[in-house]
């Protein structure tokens, strides 16, 4: 049975930046990396405040790939 769209892991809050905007902001990041380094990368790439705030809300842990970041973002309010 398919999940209701509101419960899908890829569902994002309407006020969240798009996954594409986040990945653009994190372009050039070297993995594995930390949340703080991702925030620095986003700022260095000129990301808007919504993207930086979203990355800052990620759990403080190591991320081994862009896919790991995207997965965590889909779970971050």
PDB file of N, CA and C in Angstrom:
ATOM      1  N   UNK A   1       0.843  -1.169   0.000  1.00  0.00           N
ATOM      2  CA  UNK A   1       0.000   0.000   0.000  1.00  0.00           C
ATOM      3  C   UNK A   1       0.896   1.243   0.000  1.00  0.00           C
ATOM      4  N   UNK A   2       0.577   2.193  -0.807  1.00  0.00           N
ATOM      5  CA  UNK A   2       1.371   3.420  -0.929  1.00  0.00           C
ATOM      6  C   UNK A   2       1.140   4.315   0.281  1.00  0.00           C
ATOM      7  N   UNK A   3       2.164   5.056   0.637  1.00  0.00           N
ATOM      8  CA  UNK A   3       2.041   5.998   1.738  1.00  0.00           C
ATOM      9  C   UNK A   3       1.266   7.223   1.286  1.00  0.00           C
ATOM     10  N   UNK A   4       0.533   7.781   2.218  1.00  0.00           N
ATOM     11  CA  UNK A   4      -0.120   9.054   1.969  1.00  0.00           C
ATOM     12  C   UNK A   4       0.986  10.091   1.761  1.00  0.00           C
ATOM     13  N   UNK A   5       0.823  10.999   0.805  1.00  0.00           N
ATOM     14  CA  UNK A   5       1.890  11.976   0.525  1.00  0.00           C
ATOM     15  C   UNK A   5       2.364  12.746   1.756  1.00  0.00           C
ATOM     16  N   UNK A   6       1.493  13.003   2.701  1.00  0.00           N
ATOM     17  CA  UNK A   6       1.887  13.750   3.892  1.00  0.00           C
ATOM     18  C   UNK A   6       2.816  12.946   4.795  1.00  0.00           C
ATOM     19  N   UNK A   7       2.859  11.619   4.579  1.00  0.00           N
ATOM     20  CA  UNK A   7       3.700  10.766   5.408  1.00  0.00           C
ATOM     21  C   UNK A   7       4.923  10.254   4.674  1.00  0.00           C
ATOM     22  N   UNK A   8       5.091  10.612   3.449  1.00  0.00           N
ATOM     23  CA  UNK A   8       6.235  10.149   2.669  1.00  0.00           C
ATOM     24  C   UNK A   8       7.504  10.816   3.183  1.00  0.00           C
ATOM     25  N   UNK A   9       8.629  10.094   3.119  1.00  0.00           N
ATOM     26  CA  UNK A   9       9.892  10.642   3.605  1.00  0.00           C
ATOM     27  C   UNK A   9      10.359  11.822   2.773  1.00  0.00           C
ATOM     28  N   UNK A  10       9.937  11.901   1.536  1.00  0.00           N
ATOM     29  CA  UNK A  10      10.371  12.999   0.683  1.00  0.00           C
ATOM     30  C   UNK A  10       9.500  14.236   0.854  1.00  0.00           C
ATOM     31  N   UNK A  11       8.462  14.135   1.678  1.00  0.00           N
ATOM     32  CA  UNK A  11       7.582  15.277   1.908  1.00  0.00           C
ATOM     33  C   UNK A  11       8.351  16.362   2.651  1.00  0.00           C
ATOM     34  N   UNK A  12       8.238  17.592   2.180  1.00  0.00           N
ATOM     35  CA  UNK A  12       8.889  18.693   2.871  1.00  0.00           C
ATOM     36  C   UNK A  12       7.822  19.687   3.292  1.00  0.00           C
ATOM     37  N   UNK A  13       8.137  20.411   4.322  1.00  0.00           N
ATOM     38  CA  UNK A  13       7.227  21.456   4.771  1.00  0.00           C
ATOM     39  C   UNK A  13       7.169  22.529   3.692  1.00  0.00           C
ATOM     40  N   UNK A  14       6.006  23.109   3.522  1.00  0.00           N
ATOM     41  CA  UNK A  14       5.821  24.079   2.448  1.00  0.00           C
ATOM     42  C   UNK A  14       6.729  25.286   2.579  1.00  0.00           C
ATOM     43  N   UNK A  15       7.134  25.607   3.803  1.00  0.00           N
ATOM     44  CA  UNK A  15       7.990  26.769   3.988  1.00  0.00           C
ATOM     45  C   UNK A  15       9.479  26.421   3.913  1.00  0.00           C
ATOM     46  N   UNK A  16       9.798  25.152   3.660  1.00  0.00           N
ATOM     47  CA  UNK A  16      11.200  24.751   3.541  1.00  0.00           C
ATOM     48  C   UNK A  16      11.721  25.008   2.139  1.00  0.00           C
ATOM     49  N   UNK A  17      13.019  25.313   2.046  1.00  0.00           N
ATOM     50  CA  UNK A  17      13.631  25.442   0.720  1.00  0.00           C
ATOM     51  C   UNK A  17      13.562  24.105  -0.011  1.00  0.00           C
ATOM     52  N   UNK A  18      13.611  24.148  -1.322  1.00  0.00           N
ATOM     53  CA  UNK A  18      13.551  22.913  -2.095  1.00  0.00           C
ATOM     54  C   UNK A  18      14.850  22.131  -1.929  1.00  0.00           C
ATOM     55  N   UNK A  19      14.792  20.804  -2.080  1.00  0.00           N
ATOM     56  CA  UNK A  19      16.014  19.997  -2.017  1.00  0.00           C
ATOM     57  C   UNK A  19      17.061  20.453  -3.029  1.00  0.00           C
ATOM     58  N   UNK A  20      16.621  20.924  -4.177  1.00  0.00           N
ATOM     59  CA  UNK A  20      17.563  21.405  -5.200  1.00  0.00           C
ATOM     60  C   UNK A  20      18.293  22.641  -4.695  1.00  0.00           C
ATOM     61  N   UNK A  21      17.568  23.575  -4.057  1.00  0.00           N
ATOM     62  CA  UNK A  21      18.206  24.776  -3.504  1.00  0.00           C
ATOM     63  C   UNK A  21      19.233  24.406  -2.439  1.00  0.00           C
ATOM     64  N   UNK A  22      18.893  23.421  -1.608  1.00  0.00           N
ATOM     65  CA  UNK A  22      19.813  23.001  -0.552  1.00  0.00           C
ATOM     66  C   UNK A  22      21.063  22.375  -1.158  1.00  0.00           C
ATOM     67  N   UNK A  23      20.892  21.490  -2.133  1.00  0.00           N
ATOM     68  CA  UNK A  23      22.055  20.846  -2.735  1.00  0.00           C
ATOM     69  C   UNK A  23      22.933  21.846  -3.489  1.00  0.00           C
ATOM     70  N   UNK A  24      22.321  22.849  -4.114  1.00  0.00           N
ATOM     71  CA  UNK A  24      23.114  23.908  -4.754  1.00  0.00           C
ATOM     72  C   UNK A  24      23.935  24.650  -3.710  1.00  0.00           C
ATOM     73  N   UNK A  25      23.314  24.941  -2.581  1.00  0.00           N
ATOM     74  CA  UNK A  25      24.006  25.655  -1.510  1.00  0.00           C
ATOM     75  C   UNK A  25      25.156  24.843  -0.935  1.00  0.00           C
ATOM     76  N   UNK A  26      25.040  23.519  -0.995  1.00  0.00           N
ATOM     77  CA  UNK A  26      26.065  22.649  -0.421  1.00  0.00           C
ATOM     78  C   UNK A  26      27.060  22.162  -1.465  1.00  0.00           C
ATOM     79  N   UNK A  27      26.972  22.706  -2.673  1.00  0.00           N
ATOM     80  CA  UNK A  27      27.892  22.324  -3.738  1.00  0.00           C
ATOM     81  C   UNK A  27      29.335  22.555  -3.321  1.00  0.00           C
ATOM     82  N   UNK A  28      30.178  21.584  -3.577  1.00  0.00           N
ATOM     83  CA  UNK A  28      31.585  21.685  -3.235  1.00  0.00           C
ATOM     84  C   UNK A  28      31.920  21.153  -1.855  1.00  0.00           C
ATOM     85  N   UNK A  29      30.905  20.738  -1.095  1.00  0.00           N
ATOM     86  CA  UNK A  29      31.171  20.171   0.232  1.00  0.00           C
ATOM     87  C   UNK A  29      31.946  18.865   0.064  1.00  0.00           C
ATOM     88  N   UNK A  30      32.889  18.629   0.957  1.00  0.00           N
ATOM     89  CA  UNK A  30      33.669  17.409   0.958  1.00  0.00           C
ATOM     90  C   UNK A  30      33.103  16.483   2.024  1.00  0.00           C
ATOM     91  N   UNK A  31      32.791  15.263   1.624  1.00  0.00           N
ATOM     92  CA  UNK A  31      32.206  14.286   2.551  1.00  0.00           C
ATOM     93  C   UNK A  31      33.231  13.229   2.909  1.00  0.00           C
ATOM     94  N   UNK A  32      33.170  12.692   4.148  1.00  0.00           N
ATOM     95  CA  UNK A  32      32.219  13.015   5.207  1.00  0.00           C
ATOM     96  C   UNK A  32      32.462  14.420   5.759  1.00  0.00           C
ATOM     97  N   UNK A  33      31.375  14.975   6.314  1.00  0.00           N
ATOM     98  CA  UNK A  33      31.442  16.334   6.853  1.00  0.00           C
ATOM     99  C   UNK A  33      30.499  16.466   8.027  1.00  0.00           C
ATOM    100  N   UNK A  34      30.599  17.588   8.703  1.00  0.00           N
ATOM    101  CA  UNK A  34      29.753  17.867   9.861  1.00  0.00           C
ATOM    102  C   UNK A  34      28.699  18.899   9.509  1.00  0.00           C
ATOM    103  N   UNK A  35      27.735  19.022  10.389  1.00  0.00           N
ATOM    104  CA  UNK A  35      26.696  20.042  10.197  1.00  0.00           C
ATOM    105  C   UNK A  35      27.313  21.432  10.133  1.00  0.00           C
ATOM    106  N   UNK A  36      28.246  21.714  11.036  1.00  0.00           N
ATOM    107  CA  UNK A  36      28.844  23.052  11.069  1.00  0.00           C
ATOM    108  C   UNK A  36      29.587  23.365   9.769  1.00  0.00           C
ATOM    109  N   UNK A  37      30.263  22.387   9.208  1.00  0.00           N
ATOM    110  CA  UNK A  37      30.956  22.609   7.932  1.00  0.00           C
ATOM    111  C   UNK A  37      29.950  22.792   6.798  1.00  0.00           C
ATOM    112  N   UNK A  38      28.809  22.101   6.880  1.00  0.00           N
ATOM    113  CA  UNK A  38      27.766  22.298   5.868  1.00  0.00           C
ATOM    114  C   UNK A  38      27.209  23.716   5.948  1.00  0.00           C
ATOM    115  N   UNK A  39      27.027  24.225   7.172  1.00  0.00           N
ATOM    116  CA  UNK A  39      26.553  25.600   7.340  1.00  0.00           C
ATOM    117  C   UNK A  39      27.568  26.566   6.730  1.00  0.00           C
ATOM    118  N   UNK A  40      28.852  26.355   6.994  1.00  0.00           N
ATOM    119  CA  UNK A  40      29.904  27.214   6.422  1.00  0.00           C
ATOM    120  C   UNK A  40      29.883  27.156   4.899  1.00  0.00           C
ATOM    121  N   UNK A  41      29.711  25.947   4.349  1.00  0.00           N
ATOM    122  CA  UNK A  41      29.674  25.792   2.896  1.00  0.00           C
ATOM    123  C   UNK A  41      28.492  26.545   2.312  1.00  0.00           C
ATOM    124  N   UNK A  42      27.315  26.386   2.931  1.00  0.00           N
ATOM    125  CA  UNK A  42      26.115  27.075   2.438  1.00  0.00           C
ATOM    126  C   UNK A  42      26.321  28.589   2.447  1.00  0.00           C
ATOM    127  N   UNK A  43      26.868  29.110   3.543  1.00  0.00           N
ATOM    128  CA  UNK A  43      27.123  30.556   3.625  1.00  0.00           C
ATOM    129  C   UNK A  43      28.131  30.986   2.564  1.00  0.00           C
ATOM    130  N   UNK A  44      29.185  30.194   2.399  1.00  0.00           N
ATOM    131  CA  UNK A  44      30.214  30.513   1.415  1.00  0.00           C
ATOM    132  C   UNK A  44      29.696  30.502  -0.007  1.00  0.00           C
ATOM    133  N   UNK A  45      28.658  29.700  -0.248  1.00  0.00           N
ATOM    134  CA  UNK A  45      28.052  29.624  -1.577  1.00  0.00           C
ATOM    135  C   UNK A  45      26.948  30.658  -1.766  1.00  0.00           C
ATOM    136  N   UNK A  46      26.765  31.535  -0.772  1.00  0.00           N
ATOM    137  CA  UNK A  46      25.770  32.598  -0.903  1.00  0.00           C
ATOM    138  C   UNK A  46      24.338  32.145  -0.737  1.00  0.00           C
ATOM    139  N   UNK A  47      24.130  31.068   0.019  1.00  0.00           N
ATOM    140  CA  UNK A  47      22.769  30.550   0.217  1.00  0.00           C
ATOM    141  C   UNK A  47      21.920  31.568   0.963  1.00  0.00           C
ATOM    142  N   UNK A  48      20.620  31.569   0.672  1.00  0.00           N
ATOM    143  CA  UNK A  48      19.736  32.484   1.391  1.00  0.00           C
ATOM    144  C   UNK A  48      19.538  32.003   2.829  1.00  0.00           C
ATOM    145  N   UNK A  49      18.968  32.866   3.633  1.00  0.00           N
ATOM    146  CA  UNK A  49      18.848  32.594   5.070  1.00  0.00           C
ATOM    147  C   UNK A  49      17.991  31.365   5.376  1.00  0.00           C
ATOM    148  N   UNK A  50      16.980  31.083   4.557  1.00  0.00           N
ATOM    149  CA  UNK A  50      16.132  29.915   4.808  1.00  0.00           C
ATOM    150  C   UNK A  50      16.933  28.627   4.663  1.00  0.00           C
ATOM    151  N   UNK A  51      17.803  28.576   3.665  1.00  0.00           N
ATOM    152  CA  UNK A  51      18.628  27.383   3.454  1.00  0.00           C
ATOM    153  C   UNK A  51      19.615  27.234   4.605  1.00  0.00           C
ATOM    154  N   UNK A  52      20.280  28.318   4.981  1.00  0.00           N
ATOM    155  CA  UNK A  52      21.245  28.256   6.080  1.00  0.00           C
ATOM    156  C   UNK A  52      20.548  27.827   7.369  1.00  0.00           C
ATOM    157  N   UNK A  53      19.366  28.364   7.638  1.00  0.00           N
ATOM    158  CA  UNK A  53      18.629  28.011   8.850  1.00  0.00           C
ATOM    159  C   UNK A  53      18.246  26.531   8.843  1.00  0.00           C
ATOM    160  N   UNK A  54      17.838  26.016   7.699  1.00  0.00           N
ATOM    161  CA  UNK A  54      17.481  24.606   7.597  1.00  0.00           C
ATOM    162  C   UNK A  54      18.695  23.719   7.857  1.00  0.00           C
ATOM    163  N   UNK A  55      19.820  24.044   7.265  1.00  0.00           N
ATOM    164  CA  UNK A  55      21.035  23.253   7.476  1.00  0.00           C
ATOM    165  C   UNK A  55      21.450  23.332   8.944  1.00  0.00           C
ATOM    166  N   UNK A  56      21.305  24.495   9.551  1.00  0.00           N
ATOM    167  CA  UNK A  56      21.659  24.664  10.960  1.00  0.00           C
ATOM    168  C   UNK A  56      20.787  23.795  11.868  1.00  0.00           C
ATOM    169  N   UNK A  57      19.538  23.499  11.450  1.00  0.00           N
ATOM    170  CA  UNK A  57      18.632  22.677  12.261  1.00  0.00           C
ATOM    171  C   UNK A  57      18.932  21.177  12.152  1.00  0.00           C
ATOM    172  N   UNK A  58      19.822  20.779  11.259  1.00  0.00           N
ATOM    173  CA  UNK A  58      20.161  19.363  11.141  1.00  0.00           C
ATOM    174  C   UNK A  58      20.812  18.878  12.436  1.00  0.00           C
ATOM    175  N   UNK A  59      20.656  17.593  12.756  1.00  0.00           N
ATOM    176  CA  UNK A  59      21.354  17.062  13.931  1.00  0.00           C
ATOM    177  C   UNK A  59      22.872  17.232  13.773  1.00  0.00           C
ATOM    178  N   UNK A  60      23.534  17.468  14.881  1.00  0.00           N
ATOM    179  CA  UNK A  60      24.982  17.660  14.897  1.00  0.00           C
ATOM    180  C   UNK A  60      25.654  16.291  14.855  1.00  0.00           C
ATOM    181  N   UNK A  61      25.940  15.846  13.646  1.00  0.00           N
ATOM    182  CA  UNK A  61      26.583  14.550  13.440  1.00  0.00           C
ATOM    183  C   UNK A  61      27.345  14.600  12.129  1.00  0.00           C
ATOM    184  N   UNK A  62      28.025  13.517  11.789  1.00  0.00           N
ATOM    185  CA  UNK A  62      28.729  13.429  10.512  1.00  0.00           C
ATOM    186  C   UNK A  62      27.778  12.968   9.420  1.00  0.00           C
ATOM    187  N   UNK A  63      27.936  13.534   8.245  1.00  0.00           N
ATOM    188  CA  UNK A  63      27.153  13.166   7.067  1.00  0.00           C
ATOM    189  C   UNK A  63      28.127  12.639   6.026  1.00  0.00           C
ATOM    190  N   UNK A  64      27.836  11.439   5.501  1.00  0.00           N
ATOM    191  CA  UNK A  64      28.793  10.800   4.596  1.00  0.00           C
ATOM    192  C   UNK A  64      28.524  11.041   3.123  1.00  0.00           C
ATOM    193  N   UNK A  65      27.411  11.708   2.800  1.00  0.00           N
ATOM    194  CA  UNK A  65      27.093  11.951   1.389  1.00  0.00           C
ATOM    195  C   UNK A  65      25.987  12.995   1.272  1.00  0.00           C
ATOM    196  N   UNK A  66      25.831  13.566   0.072  1.00  0.00           N
ATOM    197  CA  UNK A  66      24.698  14.470  -0.143  1.00  0.00           C
ATOM    198  C   UNK A  66      23.357  13.762   0.087  1.00  0.00           C
ATOM    199  N   UNK A  67      23.288  12.476  -0.242  1.00  0.00           N
ATOM    200  CA  UNK A  67      22.047  11.720  -0.027  1.00  0.00           C
ATOM    201  C   UNK A  67      21.707  11.641   1.457  1.00  0.00           C
ATOM    202  N   UNK A  68      22.720  11.487   2.303  1.00  0.00           N
ATOM    203  CA  UNK A  68      22.483  11.440   3.754  1.00  0.00           C
ATOM    204  C   UNK A  68      21.944  12.777   4.252  1.00  0.00           C
ATOM    205  N   UNK A  69      22.444  13.866   3.696  1.00  0.00           N
ATOM    206  CA  UNK A  69      21.955  15.200   4.072  1.00  0.00           C
ATOM    207  C   UNK A  69      20.504  15.351   3.623  1.00  0.00           C
ATOM    208  N   UNK A  70      20.216  14.970   2.390  1.00  0.00           N
ATOM    209  CA  UNK A  70      18.850  15.086   1.874  1.00  0.00           C
ATOM    210  C   UNK A  70      17.871  14.259   2.692  1.00  0.00           C
ATOM    211  N   UNK A  71      18.284  13.060   3.059  1.00  0.00           N
ATOM    212  CA  UNK A  71      17.423  12.184   3.865  1.00  0.00           C
ATOM    213  C   UNK A  71      17.121  12.832   5.209  1.00  0.00           C
ATOM    214  N   UNK A  72      18.143  13.390   5.847  1.00  0.00           N
ATOM    215  CA  UNK A  72      17.935  14.034   7.136  1.00  0.00           C
ATOM    216  C   UNK A  72      17.079  15.281   6.996  1.00  0.00           C
ATOM    217  N   UNK A  73      17.271  16.044   5.950  1.00  0.00           N
ATOM    218  CA  UNK A  73      16.463  17.248   5.731  1.00  0.00           C
ATOM    219  C   UNK A  73      14.987  16.897   5.587  1.00  0.00           C
ATOM    220  N   UNK A  74      14.708  15.780   4.924  1.00  0.00           N
ATOM    221  CA  UNK A  74      13.305  15.372   4.752  1.00  0.00           C
ATOM    222  C   UNK A  74      12.650  15.052   6.085  1.00  0.00           C
ATOM    223  N   UNK A  75      13.456  14.809   7.103  1.00  0.00           N
ATOM    224  CA  UNK A  75      12.944  14.500   8.450  1.00  0.00           C
ATOM    225  C   UNK A  75      13.026  15.679   9.406  1.00  0.00           C
ATOM    226  N   UNK A  76      13.567  16.782   8.936  1.00  0.00           N
ATOM    227  CA  UNK A  76      13.790  17.945   9.803  1.00  0.00           C
ATOM    228  C   UNK A  76      12.649  18.947   9.646  1.00  0.00           C
ATOM    229  N   UNK A  77      12.009  19.291  10.762  1.00  0.00           N
ATOM    230  CA  UNK A  77      10.900  20.265  10.679  1.00  0.00           C
ATOM    231  C   UNK A  77      11.386  21.670  10.413  1.00  0.00           C
TER     232      UNK A  77
END
